[in-house]
């Protein structure tokens, strides 16, 4: 595979035994152009027959009605409301759903990024842009990690690495043990109430087989969710960050794109406009099984040491 600005990608499909496999595929989610429409959530549920949650009312936290990723929410659009001190952040780049691009920040442009317009009652002046907060919106999903803890701990082989480099749960093999739930550093995977089997995004594995893009990316009206070859997406994302920095949005940064992070880089990564914690993402995720091989090496060495000592003790008694 070709190199990206971040260095060579691990051949995760090849490591899993796939021969002559296609390039590793993934998602790049550009949160700077997300408008919070939730089309991705709906498309994901519809295509994958993911049931609706028990409650569909607003949760009392902005316009969020799913709350977090889970067995019945393979995509989750977060709405993060931030105070802006009563002044529009003039440096903030703004999204245009029609053009898919950004323009320099202004009160009107900030509304394009997700800040609602208010109607002044009875003064006849028309709409006024609200400037006391901004919404940061982001469509979250399973990260399809390079070093996937869920895959490492699954005792039945229900989780497997596909030829596209993604991680999928085979529902007919999953026994509902839940080991994978604790193995995920992002809290993505969950057992579905009722049957108890683990559920998460498959990156529309069935659609990939037919040469189609995943349903969420297909439905996204602003191209906030971009699907493609992972190395090319990383190049595109790095260029996007550079563009935002040049336009004054110095807080823009990539999350999950670095192969040297605690999970070896993600198959689904993000451009954020604030710290990861603001979006509910761990700042320094580490796969729990990262040191498993080294730990087993220590266990083996200790076992050999104990065995040697035991043999020596018995040999000493025999000589006496």
Protein backbone atom coordinates (compact mmCIF):
# COMPACT_ATOMS: atom_id res chain seq x y z
CA UNK A 1 0.00 0.00 0.00
CA UNK A 2 1.10 3.55 -0.59
CA UNK A 3 2.33 5.79 2.19
CA UNK A 4 0.42 8.71 3.65
CA UNK A 5 1.73 11.83 5.32
CA UNK A 6 1.61 9.85 8.55
CA UNK A 7 3.75 6.96 7.30
CA UNK A 8 2.91 3.51 5.93
CA UNK A 9 -0.37 1.90 6.92
CA UNK A 10 -0.40 -1.52 8.52
CA UNK A 11 -1.58 -4.23 6.14
CA UNK A 12 -4.25 -5.38 8.57
CA UNK A 13 -6.12 -7.43 5.96
CA UNK A 14 -2.94 -9.20 4.90
CA UNK A 15 -2.04 -9.85 8.53
CA UNK A 16 -5.48 -11.43 8.95
CA UNK A 17 -4.74 -13.89 6.13
CA UNK A 18 -6.44 -12.18 3.18
CA UNK A 19 -4.47 -12.65 -0.05
CA UNK A 20 -4.70 -10.19 -2.98
CA UNK A 21 -7.12 -8.08 -0.99
CA UNK A 22 -8.41 -4.60 -1.93
CA UNK A 23 -6.99 -1.45 -0.30
CA UNK A 24 -7.97 -0.70 3.29
CA UNK A 25 -11.19 1.30 3.32
CA UNK A 26 -12.48 3.72 5.92
CA UNK A 27 -14.26 6.91 6.91
CA UNK A 28 -13.01 10.48 7.22
CA UNK A 29 -15.57 12.58 9.10
CA UNK A 30 -15.07 16.33 8.67
CA UNK A 31 -17.04 17.80 11.56
CA UNK A 32 -16.54 21.36 10.27
CA UNK A 33 -19.22 20.75 7.62
CA UNK A 34 -21.61 18.59 9.67
CA UNK A 35 -25.04 20.25 9.92
CA UNK A 36 -26.54 17.78 12.37
CA UNK A 37 -29.26 16.59 10.02
CA UNK A 38 -28.97 12.96 11.26
CA UNK A 39 -29.42 11.61 7.72
CA UNK A 40 -26.53 9.24 8.47
CA UNK A 41 -28.29 7.85 11.55
CA UNK A 42 -31.48 7.22 9.60
CA UNK A 43 -29.69 5.66 6.61
CA UNK A 44 -27.68 3.38 8.88
CA UNK A 45 -30.77 2.14 10.69
CA UNK A 46 -32.72 1.67 7.50
CA UNK A 47 -30.06 -0.26 5.58
CA UNK A 48 -28.86 -2.43 8.46
CA UNK A 49 -32.30 -2.97 10.03
CA UNK A 50 -31.09 -1.46 13.30
CA UNK A 51 -34.12 -1.05 15.56
CA UNK A 52 -35.18 2.30 16.93
CA UNK A 53 -34.32 3.02 20.53
CA UNK A 54 -36.87 2.58 23.26
CA UNK A 55 -37.29 6.34 23.48
CA UNK A 56 -37.08 8.80 20.61
CA UNK A 57 -37.79 12.00 22.53
CA UNK A 58 -35.08 14.63 22.95
CA UNK A 59 -32.77 13.85 25.85
CA UNK A 60 -32.80 17.38 27.24
CA UNK A 61 -29.31 18.01 25.86
CA UNK A 62 -29.57 20.16 22.73
CA UNK A 63 -31.18 18.30 19.80
CA UNK A 64 -29.64 14.93 20.64
CA UNK A 65 -32.05 12.01 20.88
CA UNK A 66 -29.67 9.04 20.77
CA UNK A 67 -27.07 10.07 23.36
CA UNK A 68 -24.24 7.72 22.43
CA UNK A 69 -23.20 4.82 20.26
CA UNK A 70 -24.69 1.48 21.19
CA UNK A 71 -26.31 -1.72 20.00
CA UNK A 72 -29.20 0.24 18.48
CA UNK A 73 -27.18 3.33 17.47
CA UNK A 74 -24.36 2.42 15.10
CA UNK A 75 -24.13 6.10 14.13
CA UNK A 76 -24.58 8.91 16.63
CA UNK A 77 -24.65 12.62 15.78
CA UNK A 78 -23.41 14.62 18.75
CA UNK A 79 -24.64 18.17 19.34
CA UNK A 80 -22.17 20.09 21.50
CA UNK A 81 -23.42 23.53 22.52
CA UNK A 82 -20.64 25.97 23.37
CA UNK A 83 -20.99 29.49 24.78
CA UNK A 84 -19.17 32.08 22.73
CA UNK A 85 -19.18 35.02 25.15
CA UNK A 86 -22.02 36.81 23.38
CA UNK A 87 -19.86 37.54 20.33
CA UNK A 88 -19.75 35.54 17.12
CA UNK A 89 -16.34 33.87 16.74
CA UNK A 90 -15.28 35.82 13.68
CA UNK A 91 -12.42 33.44 12.91
CA UNK A 92 -14.74 30.44 12.72
CA UNK A 93 -14.96 28.99 9.20
CA UNK A 94 -18.46 28.25 8.08
CA UNK A 95 -20.04 25.50 6.08
CA UNK A 96 -22.28 25.83 3.10
CA UNK A 97 -24.36 22.75 2.42
CA UNK A 98 -24.79 23.85 -1.17
CA UNK A 99 -21.11 24.25 -1.97
CA UNK A 100 -19.63 21.77 0.51
CA UNK A 101 -16.89 24.30 1.21
CA UNK A 102 -16.01 26.91 3.79
CA UNK A 103 -16.15 30.67 3.80
CA UNK A 104 -14.55 33.16 6.13
CA UNK A 105 -16.35 33.50 9.46
CA UNK A 106 -19.10 36.01 10.02
CA UNK A 107 -22.35 36.17 11.95
CA UNK A 108 -24.25 34.85 8.95
CA UNK A 109 -21.66 32.19 8.25
CA UNK A 110 -21.69 30.98 11.84
CA UNK A 111 -25.39 30.30 11.40
CA UNK A 112 -24.48 28.14 8.40
CA UNK A 113 -22.27 26.04 10.67
CA UNK A 114 -25.17 25.20 12.93
CA UNK A 115 -26.13 28.30 14.92
CA UNK A 116 -29.87 28.90 14.59
CA UNK A 117 -31.47 32.11 13.38
CA UNK A 118 -33.87 33.80 15.81
CA UNK A 119 -37.00 35.73 14.89
CA UNK A 120 -37.54 38.90 16.90
CA UNK A 121 -41.23 38.96 17.77
CA UNK A 122 -43.09 42.05 16.74
CA UNK A 123 -40.18 44.30 15.76
CA UNK A 124 -40.47 43.76 12.02
CA UNK A 125 -36.73 43.48 11.53
CA UNK A 126 -36.78 39.89 10.32
CA UNK A 127 -34.35 37.19 11.31
CA UNK A 128 -31.42 37.82 13.59
CA UNK A 129 -28.46 35.47 13.93
CA UNK A 130 -28.00 34.18 17.44
CA UNK A 131 -24.43 34.78 18.59
CA UNK A 132 -24.25 33.60 22.20
CA UNK A 133 -23.26 30.02 21.41
CA UNK A 134 -22.16 27.69 18.66
CA UNK A 135 -22.93 24.06 17.98
CA UNK A 136 -20.16 21.60 17.28
CA UNK A 137 -21.66 18.62 15.49
CA UNK A 138 -20.04 15.30 14.79
CA UNK A 139 -21.27 11.96 13.51
CA UNK A 140 -19.55 9.29 15.60
CA UNK A 141 -19.11 5.65 14.59
CA UNK A 142 -17.02 2.53 15.31
CA UNK A 143 -13.37 3.35 14.66
CA UNK A 144 -12.39 0.00 13.02
CA UNK A 145 -9.05 0.21 14.83
CA UNK A 146 -5.77 -1.05 13.43
CA UNK A 147 -5.18 -2.83 16.74
CA UNK A 148 -8.73 -3.80 17.67
CA UNK A 149 -9.16 -4.86 21.28
CA UNK A 150 -12.62 -6.30 20.59
CA UNK A 151 -11.11 -8.59 17.97
CA UNK A 152 -8.27 -9.67 20.26
CA UNK A 153 -10.48 -10.83 23.13
CA UNK A 154 -13.33 -12.51 21.23
CA UNK A 155 -13.22 -16.21 22.24
CA UNK A 156 -15.50 -17.54 19.50
CA UNK A 157 -14.14 -15.84 16.39
CA UNK A 158 -17.39 -13.94 15.98
CA UNK A 159 -15.40 -10.76 15.32
CA UNK A 160 -13.19 -10.91 12.25
CA UNK A 161 -11.06 -8.65 10.07
CA UNK A 162 -12.49 -8.30 6.58
CA UNK A 163 -10.54 -8.05 3.33
CA UNK A 164 -11.26 -4.29 3.43
CA UNK A 165 -9.47 -3.94 6.79
CA UNK A 166 -12.67 -3.38 8.75
CA UNK A 167 -13.89 -5.25 11.83
CA UNK A 168 -17.26 -7.04 11.70
CA UNK A 169 -19.33 -9.09 14.17
CA UNK A 170 -20.81 -12.32 12.82
CA UNK A 171 -24.16 -12.51 14.53
CA UNK A 172 -24.59 -16.25 13.98
CA UNK A 173 -21.36 -16.96 15.92
CA UNK A 174 -21.54 -14.35 18.72
CA UNK A 175 -22.45 -16.00 22.03
CA UNK A 176 -23.05 -12.75 23.91
CA UNK A 177 -20.14 -13.18 26.33
CA UNK A 178 -19.44 -9.43 26.31
CA UNK A 179 -15.64 -9.64 26.36
CA UNK A 180 -15.50 -7.33 23.34
CA UNK A 181 -17.41 -4.63 25.24
CA UNK A 182 -14.56 -4.19 27.73
CA UNK A 183 -11.97 -4.60 24.96
CA UNK A 184 -13.03 -1.42 23.12
CA UNK A 185 -11.25 1.78 24.29
CA UNK A 186 -14.01 3.94 22.79
CA UNK A 187 -17.04 2.28 24.38
CA UNK A 188 -18.51 1.63 20.94
CA UNK A 189 -19.58 -2.00 21.02
CA UNK A 190 -22.58 -3.09 23.09
CA UNK A 191 -24.76 -6.16 23.56
CA UNK A 192 -28.31 -5.73 22.31
CA UNK A 193 -30.98 -6.11 24.98
CA UNK A 194 -33.01 -9.21 24.33
CA UNK A 195 -30.66 -11.50 22.44
CA UNK A 196 -27.47 -10.29 24.15
CA UNK A 197 -25.31 -10.38 21.02
CA UNK A 198 -22.70 -7.72 20.33
CA UNK A 199 -23.61 -5.02 17.83
CA UNK A 200 -21.70 -2.25 16.06
CA UNK A 201 -21.05 -0.63 12.69
CA UNK A 202 -19.94 -3.04 9.96
CA UNK A 203 -18.97 -0.22 7.56
CA UNK A 204 -21.76 -1.73 5.45
CA UNK A 205 -19.71 -4.82 4.62
CA UNK A 206 -22.47 -6.12 2.36
CA UNK A 207 -22.50 -2.89 0.34
CA UNK A 208 -18.72 -2.92 -0.07
CA UNK A 209 -18.99 -6.34 -1.70
CA UNK A 210 -21.23 -4.80 -4.35
CA UNK A 211 -18.95 -1.81 -4.92
CA UNK A 212 -21.26 0.59 -3.05
CA UNK A 213 -20.31 3.15 -0.43
CA UNK A 214 -21.73 2.76 3.08
CA UNK A 215 -25.27 4.01 3.59
CA UNK A 216 -24.31 6.81 6.00
CA UNK A 217 -21.76 8.33 3.60
CA UNK A 218 -24.19 7.99 0.70
CA UNK A 219 -26.87 9.88 2.63
CA UNK A 220 -24.67 12.70 4.00
CA UNK A 221 -25.72 15.90 2.18
CA UNK A 222 -22.56 17.91 2.96
CA UNK A 223 -19.91 15.21 2.47
CA UNK A 224 -19.06 15.48 6.15
CA UNK A 225 -18.76 11.68 6.07
CA UNK A 226 -16.30 10.71 3.35
CA UNK A 227 -15.62 7.09 2.40
CA UNK A 228 -12.68 5.72 0.44
CA UNK A 229 -9.21 4.23 0.55
CA UNK A 230 -7.77 5.04 3.94
CA UNK A 231 -4.37 6.26 2.82
CA UNK A 232 -5.99 8.67 0.34
CA UNK A 233 -8.44 9.88 3.00
CA UNK A 234 -5.56 10.69 5.32
CA UNK A 235 -3.88 12.76 2.64
CA UNK A 236 -7.14 14.59 1.99
CA UNK A 237 -7.71 15.19 5.70
CA UNK A 238 -4.23 16.61 6.23
CA UNK A 239 -4.78 19.05 3.37
CA UNK A 240 -8.12 20.04 4.85
CA UNK A 241 -6.54 20.85 8.20
CA UNK A 242 -3.94 23.00 6.46
CA UNK A 243 -6.70 24.88 4.65
CA UNK A 244 -8.60 25.53 7.88
CA UNK A 245 -5.47 26.76 9.63
CA UNK A 246 -4.80 29.17 6.78
CA UNK A 247 -8.35 30.50 7.17
CA UNK A 248 -7.84 31.14 10.87
CA UNK A 249 -9.40 28.03 12.43
CA UNK A 250 -6.25 27.08 14.33
CA UNK A 251 -8.11 24.70 16.64
CA UNK A 252 -8.78 22.25 13.78
CA UNK A 253 -7.00 18.96 14.29
CA UNK A 254 -7.24 15.31 13.24
CA UNK A 255 -8.29 12.59 15.65
CA UNK A 256 -7.51 8.93 15.08
CA UNK A 257 -5.36 9.43 11.98
CA UNK A 258 -1.95 8.80 13.58
CA UNK A 259 -0.66 5.20 13.19
CA UNK A 260 1.56 5.78 16.24
CA UNK A 261 -1.30 6.35 18.67
CA UNK A 262 -2.53 3.85 21.25
CA UNK A 263 -4.66 1.90 18.76
CA UNK A 264 -2.36 2.08 15.75
CA UNK A 265 -4.60 4.59 13.99
CA UNK A 266 -8.27 4.25 13.14
CA UNK A 267 -10.10 3.10 10.04
CA UNK A 268 -12.60 5.83 10.88
CA UNK A 269 -11.03 9.15 11.90
CA UNK A 270 -12.21 12.73 12.40
CA UNK A 271 -11.41 16.38 11.86
CA UNK A 272 -12.36 18.18 15.08
CA UNK A 273 -12.69 21.87 15.90
CA UNK A 274 -11.97 21.42 19.62
CA UNK A 275 -10.43 18.98 22.06
CA UNK A 276 -11.58 15.35 21.71
CA UNK A 277 -13.14 15.42 25.18
CA UNK A 278 -15.56 18.11 24.01
CA UNK A 279 -17.01 15.57 21.56
CA UNK A 280 -17.06 12.77 24.13
CA UNK A 281 -13.96 11.08 22.69
CA UNK A 282 -11.05 9.82 24.82
CA UNK A 283 -7.99 12.06 24.36
CA UNK A 284 -5.43 9.24 24.39
CA UNK A 285 -7.16 5.94 23.61
CA UNK A 286 -5.11 2.81 24.20
CA UNK A 287 -6.25 -0.65 23.17
CA UNK A 288 -6.35 -2.76 26.35
CA UNK A 289 -4.65 -5.68 24.60
CA UNK A 290 -1.73 -3.66 23.25
CA UNK A 291 0.80 -5.27 25.61
CA UNK A 292 -0.82 -8.71 25.61
CA UNK A 293 1.93 -10.42 23.58
CA UNK A 294 4.66 -8.94 25.77
CA UNK A 295 2.75 -9.92 28.93
CA UNK A 296 2.42 -13.52 27.73
CA UNK A 297 6.16 -13.46 27.10
CA UNK A 298 6.73 -12.49 30.74
CA UNK A 299 4.33 -15.23 31.86
CA UNK A 300 6.19 -17.78 29.76
CA UNK A 301 9.56 -16.67 31.11
CA UNK A 302 8.25 -16.85 34.67
CA UNK A 303 6.82 -20.33 34.05
CA UNK A 304 10.16 -21.53 32.70
CA UNK A 305 11.90 -20.04 35.74
CA UNK A 306 9.55 -21.76 38.19
CA UNK A 307 9.88 -25.06 36.32
CA UNK A 308 13.67 -24.82 36.34
CA UNK A 309 13.66 -24.07 40.05
CA UNK A 310 11.32 -27.00 40.74
CA UNK A 311 13.48 -29.41 38.73
CA UNK A 312 16.55 -28.15 40.56
CA UNK A 313 14.88 -28.66 43.94
CA UNK A 314 13.84 -32.21 43.14
CA UNK A 315 17.26 -32.98 41.68
CA UNK A 316 18.90 -31.68 44.85
CA UNK A 317 16.73 -33.93 47.04
CA UNK A 318 17.56 -36.94 44.85
CA UNK A 319 21.30 -36.38 45.15
CA UNK A 320 20.99 -36.30 48.93
